[in-house]
Every structure is written in C-alpha cells, then in structure tokens.
C-alpha cells in the first residue's frame, strides 16, 4: 500500500472513558461489598467458635453418660450373676 492509500483508510479509535461519578459509584459499591463481607466473615468465625465449644461440651456429656451406662451394665450383670447362683439354703 502506498502512503496515499494509508491516509485515506478509515480508522476507528474506540476510546473507553468512564465518567467520574460512575467510577466513584462503582468504587463505593465495591468498597461497601468488601466491608460487609469482612463483617459477615468475622461474625461467622465467632459463630463457628461458639459452635465448637457447644460440640465439645456435648461430647463430654456423651462420654460421661456412656461411662455411667457401662457402670450400670456392669452392676446389673453382677446382680444377675448373683441371682443365678444358688444360696446355702437351696433357695434363691
């Protein structure tokens, strides 16, 4: 192509300009979203910590109850074994 043809070619320049109020609005919206997300995550961390404490307390109670049930089962088995054995007089 010659210089004359290059000068006569139609060229398009796309200029992407964002108005300042739009830019400020977008920045404020993104900032607000980040701040609200930060506080939501912070509250979620606190809730999970409280839930962990509750679960640990429940596990402790379940362990205590399991120990008491094992002790009661042992006592009942001993009483049943004692009832099965004949006494001196031949009666139970």
N, C-alpha and C. Protein backbone atom coordinates (compact mmCIF):
# COMPACT_ATOMS: atom_id res chain seq x y z
N UNK A 1 0.83 -1.18 0.00
CA UNK A 1 0.00 0.00 0.00
C UNK A 1 0.88 1.24 0.00
N UNK A 2 0.41 2.20 -0.67
CA UNK A 2 1.16 3.45 -0.74
C UNK A 2 0.73 4.37 0.40
N UNK A 3 1.46 5.48 0.54
CA UNK A 3 1.15 6.42 1.62
C UNK A 3 -0.20 7.07 1.43
N UNK A 4 -0.58 7.31 0.22
CA UNK A 4 -1.88 7.94 -0.04
C UNK A 4 -3.01 7.01 0.37
N UNK A 5 -2.87 5.75 0.07
CA UNK A 5 -3.92 4.80 0.43
C UNK A 5 -4.02 4.65 1.95
N UNK A 6 -2.90 4.68 2.64
CA UNK A 6 -2.94 4.56 4.09
C UNK A 6 -3.61 5.77 4.72
N UNK A 7 -3.40 6.93 4.16
CA UNK A 7 -4.01 8.14 4.69
C UNK A 7 -5.50 8.18 4.43
N UNK A 8 -5.94 7.54 3.37
CA UNK A 8 -7.36 7.55 3.03
C UNK A 8 -8.13 6.43 3.72
N UNK A 9 -7.43 5.51 4.32
CA UNK A 9 -8.13 4.41 5.02
C UNK A 9 -8.91 4.95 6.20
N UNK A 10 -10.04 4.37 6.41
CA UNK A 10 -10.87 4.76 7.55
C UNK A 10 -10.39 3.97 8.76
N UNK A 11 -10.06 4.68 9.77
CA UNK A 11 -9.64 4.03 11.01
C UNK A 11 -10.59 4.42 12.12
N UNK A 12 -10.83 3.49 12.98
CA UNK A 12 -11.71 3.76 14.12
C UNK A 12 -10.89 3.66 15.41
N UNK A 13 -11.06 4.61 16.22
CA UNK A 13 -10.42 4.60 17.53
C UNK A 13 -11.54 4.52 18.56
N UNK A 14 -11.51 3.47 19.32
CA UNK A 14 -12.52 3.32 20.37
C UNK A 14 -11.89 3.80 21.67
N UNK A 15 -12.45 4.83 22.19
CA UNK A 15 -11.94 5.41 23.42
C UNK A 15 -12.90 5.02 24.54
N UNK A 16 -12.38 4.32 25.50
CA UNK A 16 -13.21 3.84 26.60
C UNK A 16 -13.02 4.78 27.79
N UNK A 17 -13.97 5.66 27.96
CA UNK A 17 -13.89 6.62 29.05
C UNK A 17 -15.07 6.38 29.98
N UNK A 18 -14.75 6.33 31.26
CA UNK A 18 -15.80 6.16 32.27
C UNK A 18 -15.97 7.50 32.97
N UNK A 19 -17.20 7.98 33.06
CA UNK A 19 -17.43 9.24 33.78
C UNK A 19 -17.05 9.10 35.26
N UNK A 20 -16.56 10.18 35.84
CA UNK A 20 -16.10 10.17 37.22
C UNK A 20 -17.19 9.74 38.20
N UNK A 21 -18.44 10.20 38.09
CA UNK A 21 -19.47 9.73 39.04
C UNK A 21 -19.69 8.22 38.96
N UNK A 22 -19.62 7.67 37.76
CA UNK A 22 -19.76 6.22 37.63
C UNK A 22 -18.60 5.50 38.30
N UNK A 23 -17.40 6.02 38.08
CA UNK A 23 -16.21 5.42 38.67
C UNK A 23 -16.28 5.47 40.19
N UNK A 24 -16.69 6.62 40.72
CA UNK A 24 -16.83 6.74 42.18
C UNK A 24 -17.92 5.82 42.70
N UNK A 25 -19.02 5.73 41.98
CA UNK A 25 -20.12 4.85 42.39
C UNK A 25 -19.70 3.39 42.41
N UNK A 26 -18.99 2.98 41.37
CA UNK A 26 -18.51 1.59 41.32
C UNK A 26 -17.52 1.33 42.44
N UNK A 27 -16.62 2.28 42.68
CA UNK A 27 -15.65 2.12 43.77
C UNK A 27 -16.33 2.03 45.13
N UNK A 28 -17.35 2.87 45.34
CA UNK A 28 -18.06 2.82 46.62
C UNK A 28 -18.83 1.51 46.77
N UNK A 29 -19.43 1.02 45.69
CA UNK A 29 -20.17 -0.24 45.75
C UNK A 29 -19.24 -1.40 46.06
N UNK A 30 -18.08 -1.43 45.42
CA UNK A 30 -17.11 -2.49 45.68
C UNK A 30 -16.59 -2.39 47.11
N UNK A 31 -16.30 -1.18 47.57
CA UNK A 31 -15.85 -0.99 48.95
C UNK A 31 -16.89 -1.42 49.96
N UNK A 32 -18.14 -1.05 49.71
CA UNK A 32 -19.23 -1.45 50.62
C UNK A 32 -19.37 -2.97 50.65
N UNK A 33 -19.26 -3.62 49.49
CA UNK A 33 -19.37 -5.08 49.43
C UNK A 33 -18.23 -5.73 50.20
N UNK A 34 -17.02 -5.21 50.06
CA UNK A 34 -15.88 -5.78 50.78
C UNK A 34 -16.02 -5.61 52.29
N UNK A 35 -16.45 -4.43 52.73
CA UNK A 35 -16.62 -4.19 54.17
C UNK A 35 -17.71 -5.08 54.74
N UNK A 36 -18.84 -5.18 54.04
CA UNK A 36 -19.92 -6.03 54.56
C UNK A 36 -19.50 -7.49 54.57
N UNK A 37 -18.73 -7.91 53.57
CA UNK A 37 -18.24 -9.29 53.55
C UNK A 37 -17.28 -9.53 54.72
N UNK A 38 -16.44 -8.54 55.01
CA UNK A 38 -15.49 -8.66 56.13
C UNK A 38 -16.24 -8.88 57.44
N UNK A 39 -17.28 -8.07 57.70
CA UNK A 39 -18.02 -8.22 58.94
C UNK A 39 -18.81 -9.52 58.97
N UNK A 40 -19.32 -9.96 57.83
CA UNK A 40 -20.05 -11.23 57.78
C UNK A 40 -19.12 -12.40 58.09
N UNK A 41 -17.93 -12.37 57.53
CA UNK A 41 -16.97 -13.45 57.79
C UNK A 41 -16.53 -13.41 59.24
N UNK A 42 -16.35 -12.23 59.80
CA UNK A 42 -15.96 -12.10 61.20
C UNK A 42 -17.04 -12.68 62.11
N UNK A 43 -18.30 -12.40 61.83
CA UNK A 43 -19.40 -12.94 62.62
C UNK A 43 -19.47 -14.46 62.45
N UNK A 44 -19.22 -14.95 61.26
CA UNK A 44 -19.24 -16.38 61.01
C UNK A 44 -18.14 -17.08 61.80
N UNK A 45 -16.98 -16.47 61.90
CA UNK A 45 -15.88 -17.05 62.68
C UNK A 45 -16.28 -17.14 64.15
N UNK A 46 -16.93 -16.11 64.67
CA UNK A 46 -17.39 -16.14 66.07
C UNK A 46 -18.43 -17.23 66.28
N UNK A 47 -19.36 -17.36 65.34
CA UNK A 47 -20.40 -18.39 65.45
C UNK A 47 -19.81 -19.79 65.42
N UNK A 48 -18.82 -20.01 64.56
CA UNK A 48 -18.18 -21.32 64.49
C UNK A 48 -17.43 -21.62 65.78
N UNK A 49 -16.79 -20.63 66.37
CA UNK A 49 -16.09 -20.84 67.64
C UNK A 49 -17.08 -21.22 68.74
N UNK A 50 -18.23 -20.53 68.80
CA UNK A 50 -19.25 -20.88 69.78
C UNK A 50 -19.79 -22.28 69.54
N UNK A 51 -19.96 -22.65 68.30
CA UNK A 51 -20.46 -23.98 67.96
C UNK A 51 -19.46 -25.05 68.37
N UNK A 52 -18.18 -24.79 68.19
CA UNK A 52 -17.16 -25.75 68.60
C UNK A 52 -17.19 -25.96 70.11
N UNK A 53 -17.38 -24.90 70.87
CA UNK A 53 -17.48 -25.02 72.33
C UNK A 53 -18.68 -25.87 72.70
N UNK A 54 -19.81 -25.64 72.04
CA UNK A 54 -21.02 -26.40 72.32
C UNK A 54 -20.83 -27.87 71.98
N UNK A 55 -20.20 -28.16 70.86
CA UNK A 55 -19.98 -29.55 70.46
C UNK A 55 -19.04 -30.24 71.43
N UNK A 56 -18.00 -29.55 71.87
CA UNK A 56 -17.08 -30.15 72.84
C UNK A 56 -17.79 -30.46 74.15
N UNK A 57 -18.67 -29.56 74.59
CA UNK A 57 -19.43 -29.81 75.81
C UNK A 57 -20.36 -31.00 75.62
N UNK A 58 -20.98 -31.10 74.45
CA UNK A 58 -21.85 -32.24 74.16
C UNK A 58 -21.07 -33.54 74.13
N UNK A 59 -19.87 -33.53 73.56
CA UNK A 59 -19.04 -34.73 73.53
C UNK A 59 -18.66 -35.16 74.94
N UNK A 60 -18.36 -34.20 75.80
CA UNK A 60 -18.02 -34.51 77.18
C UNK A 60 -19.20 -35.14 77.89
N UNK A 61 -20.39 -34.59 77.69
CA UNK A 61 -21.58 -35.16 78.31
C UNK A 61 -21.85 -36.56 77.78
N UNK A 62 -21.68 -36.77 76.49
CA UNK A 62 -21.91 -38.10 75.90
C UNK A 62 -20.92 -39.11 76.47
N UNK A 63 -19.68 -38.70 76.68
CA UNK A 63 -18.68 -39.59 77.26
C UNK A 63 -19.05 -39.93 78.70
N UNK A 64 -19.52 -38.94 79.45
CA UNK A 64 -19.93 -39.17 80.83
C UNK A 64 -21.10 -40.13 80.89
N UNK A 65 -22.09 -39.93 80.04
CA UNK A 65 -23.26 -40.81 80.02
C UNK A 65 -22.85 -42.22 79.61
N UNK A 66 -21.97 -42.36 78.64
CA UNK A 66 -21.51 -43.68 78.22
C UNK A 66 -20.80 -44.40 79.37
N UNK A 67 -20.00 -43.67 80.15
CA UNK A 67 -19.34 -44.27 81.31
C UNK A 67 -20.33 -44.72 82.36
N UNK A 68 -21.35 -43.90 82.61
CA UNK A 68 -22.37 -44.27 83.60
C UNK A 68 -23.17 -45.48 83.13
N UNK A 69 -23.48 -45.56 81.85
CA UNK A 69 -24.21 -46.71 81.31
C UNK A 69 -23.37 -47.97 81.44
N UNK A 70 -22.07 -47.87 81.16
CA UNK A 70 -21.19 -49.03 81.30
C UNK A 70 -21.14 -49.49 82.75
N UNK A 71 -21.09 -48.55 83.69
CA UNK A 71 -21.08 -48.90 85.11
C UNK A 71 -22.39 -49.57 85.51
N UNK A 72 -23.51 -49.04 85.07
CA UNK A 72 -24.81 -49.66 85.37
C UNK A 72 -24.93 -51.05 84.75
N UNK A 73 -24.45 -51.22 83.54
CA UNK A 73 -24.48 -52.53 82.89
C UNK A 73 -23.65 -53.53 83.69
N UNK A 74 -22.48 -53.11 84.17
CA UNK A 74 -21.63 -53.98 84.98
C UNK A 74 -22.35 -54.39 86.27
N UNK A 75 -23.00 -53.44 86.92
CA UNK A 75 -23.72 -53.75 88.16
C UNK A 75 -24.88 -54.70 87.91
N UNK A 76 -25.63 -54.47 86.84
CA UNK A 76 -26.77 -55.34 86.53
C UNK A 76 -26.28 -56.75 86.21
N UNK A 77 -25.21 -56.88 85.46
CA UNK A 77 -24.67 -58.21 85.15
C UNK A 77 -24.22 -58.92 86.42
N UNK A 78 -23.60 -58.19 87.34
CA UNK A 78 -23.18 -58.80 88.61
C UNK A 78 -24.39 -59.24 89.43
N UNK A 79 -25.44 -58.41 89.47
CA UNK A 79 -26.64 -58.79 90.21
C UNK A 79 -27.33 -59.99 89.57
N UNK A 80 -27.39 -60.05 88.26
CA UNK A 80 -27.99 -61.21 87.59
C UNK A 80 -27.17 -62.46 87.84
N UNK A 81 -25.85 -62.33 87.83
CA UNK A 81 -24.99 -63.49 88.11
C UNK A 81 -25.19 -63.95 89.56
N UNK A 82 -25.33 -63.01 90.47
CA UNK A 82 -25.55 -63.37 91.88
C UNK A 82 -26.91 -64.03 92.05
N UNK A 83 -27.91 -63.63 91.30
CA UNK A 83 -29.24 -64.23 91.38
C UNK A 83 -29.25 -65.64 90.80
N UNK A 84 -28.42 -65.93 89.83
CA UNK A 84 -28.38 -67.26 89.22
C UNK A 84 -27.71 -68.29 90.12
N UNK A 85 -26.83 -67.86 90.99
CA UNK A 85 -26.12 -68.81 91.86
C UNK A 85 -27.04 -69.24 93.00
N UNK A 86 -27.06 -70.53 93.30
CA UNK A 86 -27.90 -70.99 94.42
C UNK A 86 -27.32 -70.54 95.76
N UNK A 87 -28.20 -70.32 96.71
CA UNK A 87 -27.75 -69.91 98.05
C UNK A 87 -27.54 -71.14 98.91
N UNK A 88 -27.13 -70.97 100.16
CA UNK A 88 -26.84 -72.09 101.07
C UNK A 88 -28.09 -72.91 101.37
N UNK A 89 -29.20 -72.28 101.52
CA UNK A 89 -30.43 -72.98 101.89
C UNK A 89 -31.12 -73.62 100.70
N UNK A 90 -30.59 -73.49 99.53
CA UNK A 90 -31.20 -74.08 98.35
C UNK A 90 -32.22 -73.16 97.70
N UNK A 91 -32.49 -72.07 98.31
CA UNK A 91 -33.43 -71.12 97.74
C UNK A 91 -32.66 -69.91 97.20
N UNK A 92 -33.31 -69.25 96.36
CA UNK A 92 -32.70 -68.05 95.81
C UNK A 92 -33.04 -66.86 96.62
